[in-house]
Amino acid sequence: MKSVKYKIIFALTGLVILVGCSKKFEDFSKNKNLPLAVPPGLILKAVLKDIVVYPGGYEDKAGQYIASNYTYYGDNKYWTGSASLNYGTLNNIVSMEALAKKASSGSDDNPYHALGLFLRAFLFVNMSEKVGDLPMTEALQGIANSTPKYDTQKEIFMQSLKWLDTANTLMAGFIQNKYLQSQGPTYFSGDFYYFERLSLPTTGGNGTDALIQWQKTINSYKLRVLIELSKKTGEADLNIKGQFNDIVSNPTKYPIFGSNSDNLQYVYNDKFNYYPDNATNYGNNASRLNLGSTFLNTLSSLNDLRAMILAEPARGLGFGDTDFRSYAGAPLGSGLSTLATESGAGKLSLYNYNHYYSGLTGEPTLIVSYAEVCFSIAEAINRGWTTGSAETWYTNGVKAMFDFYGIKDGDNTVTLRKADGTGNLVYTVPFSFTTYFNQPLVKYKGDNADGLDQIITQKYLAYFRNSGLQGYYLWRRTGLPTFDIGAGTGNGNKIPRRFQYPNNEISVNGTNLSAAVQSQFGGAGDDINEDIWLVK
């Protein structure tokens, strides 16, 4: 476990780039130590690795999906410090686009530019969700401007939505004109999410297949951005409801994900890219990490088979292995000593051994998923933004996650570790979708507040160990589900509402930072307990 964590930490170290210090990041397009014609695909591959958030980190604790009961794996306290930002990755995107433009005889009419616009929006929205206002318009200019002014969070979201719209238009043009067929499949390289899976000669693809998937990703992600603006529907210039409805009502112009096969996901392999929890690092972590009560207890209360797939039974509670009452998560508000005692007594559920530690590859890590699209559309219908059946989209989202974990209608195989750890117990557990959806807690209660709560709850469950901080952001925006709070979570029994700005930004770009903090939070300063514009 330690070795894998070190690899992840090393990979993320480069992301802690200061806003005002973006000029220090190496510009691949101008580095004289590299070949004069660096392929843009080489940079794209590095950039695409930066958008995945590996499971098992502080993001999972922030969403109350996992809990530590031992200090070696950290405590369960929320952050009190600064955010890591992705200006280095954004500088690489600028370089990638410049190189692709040069290779295209000075034209931005190429897939790298379209994908670059999506990636800019993805990263700027992600960074802004952490802290609030950020340099955007004057950022990424290198030594030309080492003290960029801050754009408001509203301006960041507006510009990001415009980038996404332009990216969709460009991709549509490439697809219609069969751009990659004329350029040759080797032109658009570095995309290991779609191109290498769909467009290599061995798969019979021609390159256009990947662009189709990226166009779906762009619009599916735009639905995320719009739904996260749910508190800002009164801002006429944002036109949130209209933009959302345009996407849902015009699938020809705005294609979106239609199944799990469309997911933007990071896939692991058994050669050099192991899932973070795997057979090579099974050790104390198998008994030192519990599933969080906010997540697991919700599954148990819904008689949801995901509980048995993802967790081991808490046999100390005295129930059978296939009794949902045996699946009890750790409340993050409790102190480590309490959790250690309870877990040691078998009263809290650990990770399911066979799901996480019997192999090397695990399941893919979702970045943007079909299930999320379903829940976003269901929420929008519930709120009156667009028309359709919220219940259908809600049901489709839940079923998509069942499919993601291999749960089928009928008999399912559940493999659990023996209590003494010497082997496995295999159970056949029947599961009926009809029975599940007819439960009072699950059956959609209509386009009202209760129905919205159900949609949000299932969306939260779908974010388990996926999509970075989205589970936490969902709670911050909606207040659902109810997070466990106590001494174990720190911060004076409060869940932080944001991250602070990077520490060195004070010395590098202090004047602009101070102005941004003052305009957002007034006398409160750079406080993690203050609300950003997005959720006010």
Protein backbone atom coordinates (compact mmCIF):
# COMPACT_ATOMS: atom_id res chain seq x y z
CA MET A 1 0.00 0.00 0.00
CA LYS A 2 2.78 2.40 0.90
CA SER A 3 4.56 1.94 -2.44
CA VAL A 4 1.41 2.60 -4.41
CA LYS A 5 0.65 5.70 -2.36
CA TYR A 6 4.14 7.01 -2.96
CA LYS A 7 3.63 6.62 -6.71
CA ILE A 8 0.37 8.51 -6.55
CA ILE A 9 1.85 11.27 -4.41
CA PHE A 10 4.79 11.58 -6.78
CA ALA A 11 2.44 11.83 -9.75
CA LEU A 12 0.43 14.54 -8.09
CA THR A 13 3.39 16.59 -6.88
CA GLY A 14 3.62 18.36 -10.22
CA LEU A 15 0.05 19.58 -9.84
CA VAL A 16 0.76 21.78 -6.86
CA ILE A 17 1.59 24.76 -9.05
CA LEU A 18 1.06 28.27 -7.76
CA VAL A 19 -1.21 30.63 -9.61
CA GLY A 20 1.32 33.40 -9.83
CA CYS A 21 4.18 31.04 -10.63
CA SER A 22 2.78 29.55 -13.81
CA LYS A 23 5.75 31.02 -15.66
CA LYS A 24 8.02 28.53 -13.90
CA PHE A 25 6.38 25.52 -15.54
CA GLU A 26 8.26 24.18 -18.52
CA ASP A 27 6.77 25.09 -21.90
CA PHE A 28 7.24 22.01 -24.08
CA SER A 29 6.76 23.99 -27.28
CA LYS A 30 9.78 26.20 -26.51
CA ASN A 31 12.11 23.87 -24.66
CA LYS A 32 15.31 23.80 -26.71
CA ASN A 33 16.38 20.52 -25.13
CA LEU A 34 13.47 18.72 -26.81
CA PRO A 35 13.12 17.94 -30.52
CA LEU A 36 11.90 20.90 -32.58
CA ALA A 37 8.67 19.10 -33.46
CA VAL A 38 7.33 17.58 -30.27
CA PRO A 39 4.23 15.58 -31.20
CA PRO A 40 1.17 17.15 -29.54
CA GLY A 41 0.00 13.62 -28.73
CA LEU A 42 2.96 13.22 -26.38
CA ILE A 43 1.72 16.14 -24.30
CA LEU A 44 -1.90 15.02 -24.57
CA LYS A 45 -1.08 11.69 -22.98
CA ALA A 46 0.49 13.43 -19.97
CA VAL A 47 -2.44 15.85 -19.68
CA LEU A 48 -5.04 13.09 -19.81
CA LYS A 49 -3.34 11.33 -16.90
CA ASP A 50 -3.76 14.48 -14.84
CA ILE A 51 -7.57 14.50 -14.99
CA VAL A 52 -8.03 11.20 -13.17
CA VAL A 53 -8.26 11.16 -9.37
CA TYR A 54 -7.15 7.80 -8.06
CA PRO A 55 -9.41 6.19 -5.43
CA GLY A 56 -8.37 5.83 -1.83
CA GLY A 57 -7.16 9.38 -1.20
CA TYR A 58 -8.47 12.32 0.80
CA GLU A 59 -11.21 12.81 -1.79
CA ASP A 60 -12.86 9.59 -0.61
CA LYS A 61 -12.70 10.73 3.00
CA ALA A 62 -14.05 14.15 2.04
CA GLY A 63 -17.09 12.39 0.58
CA GLN A 64 -17.29 10.15 3.66
CA TYR A 65 -16.90 7.01 1.55
CA ILE A 66 -14.00 5.53 3.51
CA ALA A 67 -12.65 5.90 7.02
CA SER A 68 -9.32 5.15 8.63
CA ASN A 69 -9.15 3.50 12.04
CA TYR A 70 -5.36 3.65 12.33
CA THR A 71 -2.96 6.60 12.26
CA TYR A 72 -0.66 5.03 9.64
CA TYR A 73 -3.39 5.63 7.07
CA GLY A 74 -4.12 9.12 8.31
CA ASP A 75 -6.99 10.36 10.40
CA ASN A 76 -10.43 11.35 9.17
CA LYS A 77 -10.07 15.06 9.78
CA TYR A 78 -10.94 17.46 7.02
CA TRP A 79 -8.31 19.73 5.55
CA THR A 80 -7.33 23.00 7.15
CA GLY A 81 -4.96 24.21 4.47
CA SER A 82 -4.53 25.03 0.81
CA ALA A 83 -5.57 23.45 -2.45
CA SER A 84 -3.41 21.99 -5.16
CA LEU A 85 -4.12 23.64 -8.50
CA ASN A 86 -3.49 22.54 -12.07
CA TYR A 87 -1.85 25.50 -13.78
CA GLY A 88 1.09 23.34 -14.82
CA THR A 89 -1.26 21.00 -16.65
CA LEU A 90 -3.03 23.97 -18.21
CA ASN A 91 0.30 25.29 -19.48
CA ASN A 92 0.87 21.92 -21.11
CA ILE A 93 -2.52 22.20 -22.81
CA VAL A 94 -1.51 25.58 -24.23
CA SER A 95 1.71 24.03 -25.55
CA MET A 96 -0.17 21.06 -27.02
CA GLU A 97 -2.55 23.35 -28.87
CA ALA A 98 0.32 25.51 -30.17
CA LEU A 99 2.14 22.48 -31.53
CA ALA A 100 -1.01 21.11 -33.16
CA LYS A 101 -1.70 24.52 -34.69
CA LYS A 102 1.80 24.61 -36.16
CA ALA A 103 1.32 21.12 -37.59
CA SER A 104 -2.01 22.28 -39.08
CA SER A 105 -0.44 25.15 -41.03
CA GLY A 106 -1.40 27.74 -38.46
CA SER A 107 -5.02 26.63 -38.03
CA ASP A 108 -6.81 25.81 -34.79
CA ASP A 109 -9.16 23.60 -36.78
CA ASN A 110 -7.83 20.33 -35.35
CA PRO A 111 -8.93 17.82 -32.69
CA TYR A 112 -6.18 18.81 -30.25
CA HIS A 113 -7.57 22.33 -30.01
CA ALA A 114 -11.14 21.04 -29.52
CA LEU A 115 -10.00 18.65 -26.82
CA GLY A 116 -7.85 21.40 -25.32
CA LEU A 117 -10.93 23.59 -24.87
CA PHE A 118 -12.70 20.76 -23.04
CA LEU A 119 -9.68 20.16 -20.82
CA ARG A 120 -9.32 23.86 -20.02
CA ALA A 121 -12.96 23.98 -18.93
CA PHE A 122 -12.60 20.75 -16.95
CA LEU A 123 -9.58 21.97 -15.02
CA PHE A 124 -10.67 25.56 -14.44
CA VAL A 125 -14.07 24.44 -13.13
CA ASN A 126 -12.40 21.84 -10.93
CA MET A 127 -9.94 24.36 -9.48
CA SER A 128 -12.60 27.01 -8.96
CA GLU A 129 -14.82 24.52 -7.16
CA LYS A 130 -12.03 24.16 -4.63
CA VAL A 131 -11.26 27.79 -3.84
CA GLY A 132 -13.55 30.23 -5.67
CA ASP A 133 -12.18 33.07 -7.85
CA LEU A 134 -9.00 32.39 -9.83
CA PRO A 135 -6.78 33.94 -12.51
CA MET A 136 -8.14 32.86 -15.87
CA THR A 137 -8.13 35.61 -18.51
CA GLU A 138 -4.59 36.74 -17.65
CA ALA A 139 -3.31 33.30 -16.66
CA LEU A 140 -1.13 30.99 -18.76
CA GLN A 141 0.86 33.86 -20.24
CA GLY A 142 4.18 32.71 -18.78
CA ILE A 143 6.71 35.44 -18.10
CA ALA A 144 4.48 37.94 -19.92
CA ASN A 145 2.38 38.23 -16.77
CA SER A 146 3.57 36.71 -13.52
CA THR A 147 0.90 38.48 -11.44
CA PRO A 148 -2.39 37.74 -13.19
CA LYS A 149 -5.59 39.30 -11.91
CA TYR A 150 -8.37 37.08 -10.63
CA ASP A 151 -11.54 36.33 -12.56
CA THR A 152 -14.72 35.83 -10.55
CA GLN A 153 -16.09 32.32 -10.22
CA LYS A 154 -19.08 33.36 -12.31
CA GLU A 155 -16.78 34.51 -15.10
CA ILE A 156 -14.85 31.23 -14.89
CA PHE A 157 -18.02 29.17 -15.27
CA MET A 158 -19.31 31.36 -18.10
CA GLN A 159 -16.05 31.07 -20.05
CA SER A 160 -15.86 27.33 -19.41
CA LEU A 161 -19.38 26.83 -20.76
CA LYS A 162 -18.41 28.80 -23.88
CA TRP A 163 -15.31 26.63 -24.36
CA LEU A 164 -17.42 23.49 -24.07
CA ASP A 165 -19.88 24.79 -26.65
CA THR A 166 -17.07 25.63 -29.07
CA ALA A 167 -15.45 22.24 -28.49
CA ASN A 168 -18.74 20.52 -29.30
CA THR A 169 -19.09 22.50 -32.53
CA LEU A 170 -15.53 21.73 -33.61
CA MET A 171 -15.90 18.02 -32.87
CA ALA A 172 -19.15 17.89 -34.82
CA GLY A 173 -17.39 19.40 -37.83
CA PHE A 174 -14.53 16.93 -37.64
CA ILE A 175 -16.93 14.00 -37.43
CA GLN A 176 -19.10 15.22 -40.29
CA ASN A 177 -16.11 15.80 -42.53
CA LYS A 178 -14.45 12.54 -41.46
CA TYR A 179 -11.41 14.59 -40.48
CA LEU A 180 -9.24 11.80 -39.13
CA GLN A 181 -9.96 9.55 -42.07
CA SER A 182 -8.42 12.17 -44.33
CA GLN A 183 -5.55 12.94 -41.96
CA GLY A 184 -4.74 9.35 -41.13
CA PRO A 185 -5.35 7.58 -37.80
CA THR A 186 -1.87 8.39 -36.50
CA TYR A 187 -2.55 12.15 -36.50
CA PHE A 188 -4.62 12.12 -33.33
CA SER A 189 -2.45 10.22 -30.86
CA GLY A 190 -1.99 10.25 -27.11
CA ASP A 191 -5.66 9.63 -26.31
CA PHE A 192 -5.67 6.43 -24.29
CA TYR A 193 -9.26 6.91 -23.14
CA TYR A 194 -10.99 6.48 -26.50
CA PHE A 195 -8.63 6.64 -29.48
CA GLU A 196 -6.40 3.75 -28.49
CA ARG A 197 -9.43 1.64 -27.56
CA LEU A 198 -11.63 2.40 -30.56
CA SER A 199 -9.51 3.68 -33.41
CA LEU A 200 -6.49 1.43 -33.80
CA PRO A 201 -6.36 -0.72 -36.94
CA THR A 202 -6.78 -3.84 -34.79
CA THR A 203 -10.23 -2.63 -33.73
CA GLY A 204 -11.34 -1.68 -37.22
CA GLY A 205 -11.65 1.98 -36.28
CA ASN A 206 -10.55 4.97 -38.30
CA GLY A 207 -10.20 7.70 -35.69
CA THR A 208 -13.63 9.24 -36.05
CA ASP A 209 -14.94 6.80 -33.44
CA ALA A 210 -12.85 8.49 -30.77
CA LEU A 211 -14.05 11.96 -31.77
CA ILE A 212 -17.65 10.80 -31.47
CA GLN A 213 -16.94 9.65 -27.93
CA TRP A 214 -15.20 12.89 -27.05
CA GLN A 215 -18.14 14.90 -28.35
CA LYS A 216 -20.42 12.90 -26.06
CA THR A 217 -18.01 13.51 -23.19
CA ILE A 218 -17.94 17.26 -23.78
CA ASN A 219 -21.72 17.56 -23.65
CA SER A 220 -22.13 15.10 -20.79
CA TYR A 221 -19.61 17.08 -18.78
CA LYS A 222 -21.42 20.30 -19.65
CA LEU A 223 -24.52 18.83 -17.98
CA ARG A 224 -22.42 18.44 -14.80
CA VAL A 225 -21.29 22.04 -14.92
CA LEU A 226 -24.85 23.30 -15.45
CA ILE A 227 -26.40 21.18 -12.71
CA GLU A 228 -23.72 22.36 -10.27
CA LEU A 229 -24.99 25.89 -11.00
CA SER A 230 -28.42 24.95 -9.62
CA LYS A 231 -28.31 27.75 -7.05
CA LYS A 232 -27.71 30.32 -9.80
CA THR A 233 -30.74 29.86 -12.05
CA GLY A 234 -31.72 33.46 -11.30
CA GLU A 235 -28.66 34.74 -13.17
CA ALA A 236 -30.22 35.63 -16.54
CA ASP A 237 -26.90 35.93 -18.39
CA LEU A 238 -26.00 32.36 -17.48
CA ASN A 239 -29.26 30.93 -18.91
CA ILE A 240 -28.67 27.70 -17.02
CA LYS A 241 -32.08 26.17 -17.60
CA GLY A 242 -32.04 27.06 -21.28
CA GLN A 243 -28.57 25.65 -21.87
CA PHE A 244 -29.44 22.42 -20.07
CA ASN A 245 -32.68 22.02 -22.02
CA ASP A 246 -30.87 22.68 -25.31
CA ILE A 247 -28.60 19.69 -24.71
CA VAL A 248 -31.31 17.28 -23.58
CA SER A 249 -33.80 18.26 -26.30
CA ASN A 250 -31.37 18.23 -29.22
CA PRO A 251 -29.33 15.00 -29.16
CA THR A 252 -28.27 15.44 -32.78
CA LYS A 253 -26.46 18.68 -32.03
CA TYR A 254 -25.50 17.70 -28.49
CA PRO A 255 -24.96 13.92 -28.25
CA ILE A 256 -24.46 12.66 -24.69
CA PHE A 257 -23.63 9.33 -23.04
CA GLY A 258 -26.18 6.60 -23.66
CA SER A 259 -24.69 3.67 -21.75
CA ASN A 260 -21.74 2.62 -19.62
CA SER A 261 -19.77 1.91 -22.78
CA ASP A 262 -19.49 5.69 -23.25
CA ASN A 263 -17.96 6.39 -19.82
CA LEU A 264 -14.85 8.53 -19.60
CA GLN A 265 -12.92 6.22 -17.30
CA TYR A 266 -9.39 5.32 -16.33
CA VAL A 267 -8.74 1.61 -16.88
CA TYR A 268 -6.06 -0.31 -14.98
CA ASN A 269 -3.97 -3.25 -16.20
CA ASP A 270 -1.97 -6.07 -14.62
CA LYS A 271 1.38 -5.14 -16.17
CA PHE A 272 2.41 -1.79 -14.71
CA ASN A 273 -0.75 0.15 -13.89
CA TYR A 274 -2.39 -1.53 -10.90
CA TYR A 275 -5.59 -0.46 -9.21
CA PRO A 276 -4.50 1.37 -6.00
CA ASP A 277 -5.93 -1.39 -3.75
CA ASN A 278 -4.67 -4.71 -5.07
CA ALA A 279 -3.17 -8.10 -4.22
CA THR A 280 0.37 -6.73 -3.94
CA ASN A 281 -0.43 -4.33 -1.10
CA TYR A 282 -2.82 -6.43 0.95
CA GLY A 283 -1.67 -6.08 4.54
CA ASN A 284 -2.62 -3.95 7.51
CA ASN A 285 -4.73 -1.80 5.24
CA ALA A 286 -7.17 -4.69 4.97
CA SER A 287 -8.03 -4.22 8.65
CA ARG A 288 -7.27 -0.51 9.01
CA LEU A 289 -9.67 0.96 6.44
CA ASN A 290 -13.43 0.80 6.80
CA LEU A 291 -16.18 1.95 4.53
CA GLY A 292 -17.76 5.14 5.81
CA SER A 293 -21.14 5.00 7.52
CA THR A 294 -22.59 7.79 5.38
CA PHE A 295 -22.12 5.58 2.33
CA LEU A 296 -22.43 2.00 3.54
CA ASN A 297 -25.31 2.52 5.97
CA THR A 298 -27.27 4.13 3.17
CA LEU A 299 -26.74 1.07 0.99
CA SER A 300 -27.75 -1.22 3.86
CA SER A 301 -30.93 0.76 4.55
CA LEU A 302 -31.91 0.35 0.88
CA ASN A 303 -31.20 -3.42 0.83
CA ASP A 304 -28.74 -2.61 -1.93
CA LEU A 305 -26.53 -5.48 -3.08
CA ARG A 306 -23.63 -3.08 -3.61
CA ALA A 307 -23.11 -3.32 0.15
CA MET A 308 -22.07 -6.99 -0.11
CA ILE A 309 -20.02 -6.44 -3.25
CA LEU A 310 -17.95 -3.64 -1.71
CA ALA A 311 -17.73 -4.55 1.99
CA GLU A 312 -17.12 -7.46 4.32
CA PRO A 313 -19.82 -8.21 6.89
CA ALA A 314 -19.40 -6.85 10.41
CA ARG A 315 -19.83 -10.26 12.01
CA GLY A 316 -19.51 -8.88 15.50
CA LEU A 317 -23.03 -7.51 15.13
CA GLY A 318 -24.40 -11.06 15.21
CA PHE A 319 -26.25 -11.21 11.90
CA GLY A 320 -25.76 -13.50 8.91
CA ASP A 321 -23.31 -12.75 6.12
CA THR A 322 -26.11 -12.04 3.64
CA ASP A 323 -28.16 -9.97 6.07
CA PHE A 324 -27.94 -6.28 5.19
CA ARG A 325 -27.78 -5.48 8.90
CA SER A 326 -24.26 -6.97 8.85
CA TYR A 327 -22.98 -4.12 6.70
CA ALA A 328 -22.19 -1.20 8.97
CA GLY A 329 -19.88 1.66 8.08
CA ALA A 330 -17.55 3.67 10.28
CA PRO A 331 -18.80 7.11 11.38
CA LEU A 332 -16.05 9.56 10.46
CA GLY A 333 -16.98 11.82 13.37
CA SER A 334 -15.73 9.24 15.85
CA GLY A 335 -12.10 9.26 16.95
CA LEU A 336 -9.56 6.76 15.64
CA SER A 337 -9.34 4.86 18.92
CA THR A 338 -13.09 4.34 18.98
CA LEU A 339 -13.13 3.18 15.37
CA ALA A 340 -10.18 0.86 15.97
CA THR A 341 -11.96 -0.75 18.92
CA GLU A 342 -15.25 -1.11 17.07
CA SER A 343 -13.61 -2.44 13.92
CA GLY A 344 -11.45 -4.86 15.89
CA ALA A 345 -14.59 -6.20 17.55
CA GLY A 346 -16.09 -6.86 14.14
CA LYS A 347 -18.75 -4.18 14.44
CA LEU A 348 -17.65 -2.13 11.44
CA SER A 349 -17.29 -3.34 7.87
CA LEU A 350 -13.93 -3.51 6.10
CA TYR A 351 -13.30 -3.42 2.36
CA ASN A 352 -14.46 -6.56 0.57
CA TYR A 353 -11.26 -8.58 0.26
CA ASN A 354 -12.07 -10.28 -3.04
CA HIS A 355 -13.29 -7.13 -4.70
CA TYR A 356 -10.20 -5.11 -3.83
CA TYR A 357 -7.31 -7.42 -2.94
CA SER A 358 -7.66 -10.63 -4.94
CA GLY A 359 -6.43 -9.13 -8.22
CA LEU A 360 -4.50 -6.23 -9.70
CA THR A 361 -6.87 -4.33 -11.97
CA GLY A 362 -10.02 -3.61 -9.94
CA GLU A 363 -12.76 -1.65 -11.67
CA PRO A 364 -12.16 1.43 -13.82
CA THR A 365 -12.14 4.82 -12.12
CA LEU A 366 -14.96 6.95 -13.50
CA ILE A 367 -14.23 10.55 -14.48
CA VAL A 368 -17.55 11.34 -16.18
CA SER A 369 -20.13 8.57 -16.28
CA TYR A 370 -23.42 7.63 -17.90
CA ALA A 371 -24.93 7.17 -14.45
CA GLU A 372 -24.04 10.74 -13.54
CA VAL A 373 -25.67 11.97 -16.75
CA CYS A 374 -28.85 10.07 -15.86
CA PHE A 375 -29.02 11.58 -12.37
CA SER A 376 -28.28 15.09 -13.66
CA ILE A 377 -31.11 14.88 -16.17
CA ALA A 378 -33.42 13.41 -13.52
CA GLU A 379 -32.58 16.31 -11.21
CA ALA A 380 -33.15 18.86 -13.98
CA ILE A 381 -36.56 17.39 -14.80
CA ASN A 382 -37.45 17.35 -11.10
CA ARG A 383 -36.49 21.03 -10.88
CA GLY A 384 -38.51 21.91 -13.98
CA TRP A 385 -35.58 22.77 -16.24
CA THR A 386 -36.58 20.37 -18.99
CA THR A 387 -39.25 17.82 -19.81
CA GLY A 388 -39.29 14.06 -19.61
CA SER A 389 -39.60 11.33 -17.03
CA ALA A 390 -37.35 11.96 -14.04
CA GLU A 391 -38.22 8.49 -12.76
CA THR A 392 -36.93 6.84 -15.95
CA TRP A 393 -33.62 8.70 -15.80
CA TYR A 394 -33.35 8.02 -12.06
CA THR A 395 -33.95 4.31 -12.61
CA ASN A 396 -31.51 4.17 -15.52
CA GLY A 397 -28.82 5.79 -13.38
CA VAL A 398 -29.20 3.26 -10.59
CA LYS A 399 -29.19 0.35 -13.04
CA ALA A 400 -26.07 1.74 -14.70
CA MET A 401 -24.23 1.51 -11.39
CA PHE A 402 -25.54 -2.01 -10.77
CA ASP A 403 -24.12 -2.93 -14.17
CA PHE A 404 -20.82 -1.20 -13.34
CA TYR A 405 -20.42 -3.56 -10.37
CA GLY A 406 -21.70 -6.61 -12.25
CA ILE A 407 -24.99 -6.86 -10.36
CA LYS A 408 -27.72 -8.49 -12.40
CA ASP A 409 -31.42 -9.17 -12.04
CA GLY A 410 -31.60 -12.68 -10.59
CA ASP A 411 -28.97 -14.75 -8.79
CA ASN A 412 -25.67 -13.02 -7.99
CA THR A 413 -22.46 -14.51 -6.60
CA VAL A 414 -21.16 -12.82 -3.47
CA THR A 415 -17.69 -13.80 -2.28
CA LEU A 416 -16.72 -12.94 1.28
CA ARG A 417 -13.61 -13.61 3.34
CA LYS A 418 -13.82 -16.14 6.14
CA ALA A 419 -13.64 -14.63 9.61
CA ASP A 420 -10.21 -16.17 10.24
CA GLY A 421 -8.91 -14.98 6.87
CA THR A 422 -8.00 -18.48 5.67
CA GLY A 423 -10.25 -18.59 2.65
CA ASN A 424 -13.49 -17.48 1.11
CA LEU A 425 -17.18 -18.09 1.48
CA VAL A 426 -19.28 -18.00 -1.67
CA TYR A 427 -22.98 -17.18 -1.53
CA THR A 428 -25.70 -17.05 -4.14
CA VAL A 429 -27.79 -13.97 -3.41
CA PRO A 430 -30.95 -13.25 -5.41
CA PHE A 431 -31.55 -9.64 -6.34
CA SER A 432 -34.66 -8.27 -8.03
CA PHE A 433 -34.65 -4.87 -9.68
CA THR A 434 -38.44 -4.75 -9.41
CA THR A 435 -38.37 -5.47 -5.69
CA TYR A 436 -35.56 -2.97 -5.15
CA PHE A 437 -37.31 -0.12 -6.94
CA ASN A 438 -40.64 -0.84 -5.25
CA GLN A 439 -39.21 -0.25 -1.78
CA PRO A 440 -40.69 2.85 -0.11
CA LEU A 441 -37.23 4.42 0.25
CA VAL A 442 -36.35 3.78 -3.39
CA LYS A 443 -39.58 4.10 -5.39
CA TYR A 444 -39.54 7.55 -6.98
CA LYS A 445 -41.80 9.88 -5.03
CA GLY A 446 -42.44 12.33 -7.82
CA ASP A 447 -41.14 15.66 -9.07
CA ASN A 448 -41.02 17.17 -5.61
CA ALA A 449 -38.57 17.65 -2.76
CA ASP A 450 -38.76 13.99 -1.70
CA GLY A 451 -38.09 12.80 -5.23
CA LEU A 452 -35.15 15.19 -5.49
CA ASP A 453 -33.71 13.75 -2.27
CA GLN A 454 -33.86 10.26 -3.78
CA ILE A 455 -32.07 11.38 -6.94
CA ILE A 456 -29.33 13.13 -4.95
CA THR A 457 -28.90 10.11 -2.68
CA GLN A 458 -28.41 7.72 -5.59
CA LYS A 459 -26.06 10.16 -7.30
CA TYR A 460 -23.99 10.27 -4.12
CA LEU A 461 -23.82 6.46 -4.06
CA ALA A 462 -22.67 6.47 -7.70
CA TYR A 463 -19.72 8.72 -6.87
CA PHE A 464 -18.20 6.12 -4.51
CA ARG A 465 -14.42 6.10 -5.14
CA ASN A 466 -15.06 7.86 -8.46
CA SER A 467 -15.01 11.38 -9.91
CA GLY A 468 -12.70 12.94 -7.33
CA LEU A 469 -14.44 15.39 -5.00
CA GLN A 470 -17.85 15.21 -6.67
CA GLY A 471 -19.44 13.41 -3.72
CA TYR A 472 -18.30 16.17 -1.40
CA TYR A 473 -19.37 18.89 -3.87
CA LEU A 474 -22.80 17.26 -4.11
CA TRP A 475 -23.18 17.42 -0.32
CA ARG A 476 -21.98 21.04 -0.28
CA ARG A 477 -24.53 22.03 -2.93
CA THR A 478 -27.54 20.09 -1.63
CA GLY A 479 -26.86 19.17 2.00
CA LEU A 480 -27.39 15.51 1.09
CA PRO A 481 -26.70 13.00 2.37
CA THR A 482 -26.32 14.02 6.01
CA PHE A 483 -22.61 13.84 6.79
CA ASP A 484 -21.35 12.49 10.08
CA ILE A 485 -19.61 15.21 12.09
CA GLY A 486 -17.67 15.04 15.33
CA ALA A 487 -14.24 15.24 16.88
CA GLY A 488 -12.97 12.78 14.28
CA THR A 489 -13.69 15.14 11.41
CA GLY A 490 -11.95 18.08 13.14
CA ASN A 491 -12.46 21.74 12.19
CA GLY A 492 -14.55 22.45 15.27
CA ASN A 493 -17.22 19.94 14.29
CA LYS A 494 -17.82 21.66 10.96
CA ILE A 495 -17.29 20.35 7.43
CA PRO A 496 -15.16 22.85 5.49
CA ARG A 497 -16.88 24.63 2.62
CA ARG A 498 -13.77 25.25 0.51
CA PHE A 499 -9.98 25.08 0.37
CA GLN A 500 -7.61 27.95 1.00
CA TYR A 501 -5.48 29.38 -1.80
CA PRO A 502 -1.93 27.99 -2.22
CA ASN A 503 0.35 29.41 0.45
CA ASN A 504 3.07 30.89 -1.76
CA GLU A 505 0.52 32.81 -3.79
CA ILE A 506 0.59 35.37 -0.99
CA SER A 507 4.20 36.27 -1.76
CA VAL A 508 4.04 35.81 -5.53
CA ASN A 509 0.70 37.41 -6.36
CA GLY A 510 -0.38 38.76 -3.01
CA THR A 511 -2.01 42.00 -4.14
CA ASN A 512 -4.39 40.32 -6.55
CA LEU A 513 -5.03 37.48 -4.12
CA SER A 514 -5.94 39.90 -1.33
CA ALA A 515 -8.35 41.73 -3.61
CA ALA A 516 -10.00 38.44 -4.62
CA VAL A 517 -10.33 37.26 -1.02
CA GLN A 518 -11.78 40.59 0.08
CA SER A 519 -14.34 40.68 -2.74
CA GLN A 520 -15.49 37.14 -1.98
CA PHE A 521 -15.38 36.86 1.80
CA GLY A 522 -14.91 40.37 3.14
CA GLY A 523 -13.43 40.44 6.63
CA ALA A 524 -13.59 36.67 6.98
CA GLY A 525 -10.43 36.29 4.92
CA ASP A 526 -9.26 33.11 3.23
CA ASP A 527 -11.45 30.93 5.48
CA ILE A 528 -12.24 27.29 4.69
CA ASN A 529 -15.66 27.72 6.30
CA GLU A 530 -16.80 30.47 3.93
CA ASP A 531 -19.11 29.77 1.00
CA ILE A 532 -17.93 30.43 -2.54
CA TRP A 533 -20.24 32.12 -5.06
CA LEU A 534 -21.27 28.76 -6.54
CA VAL A 535 -23.15 27.63 -3.44
CA LYS A 536 -24.32 30.94 -1.98
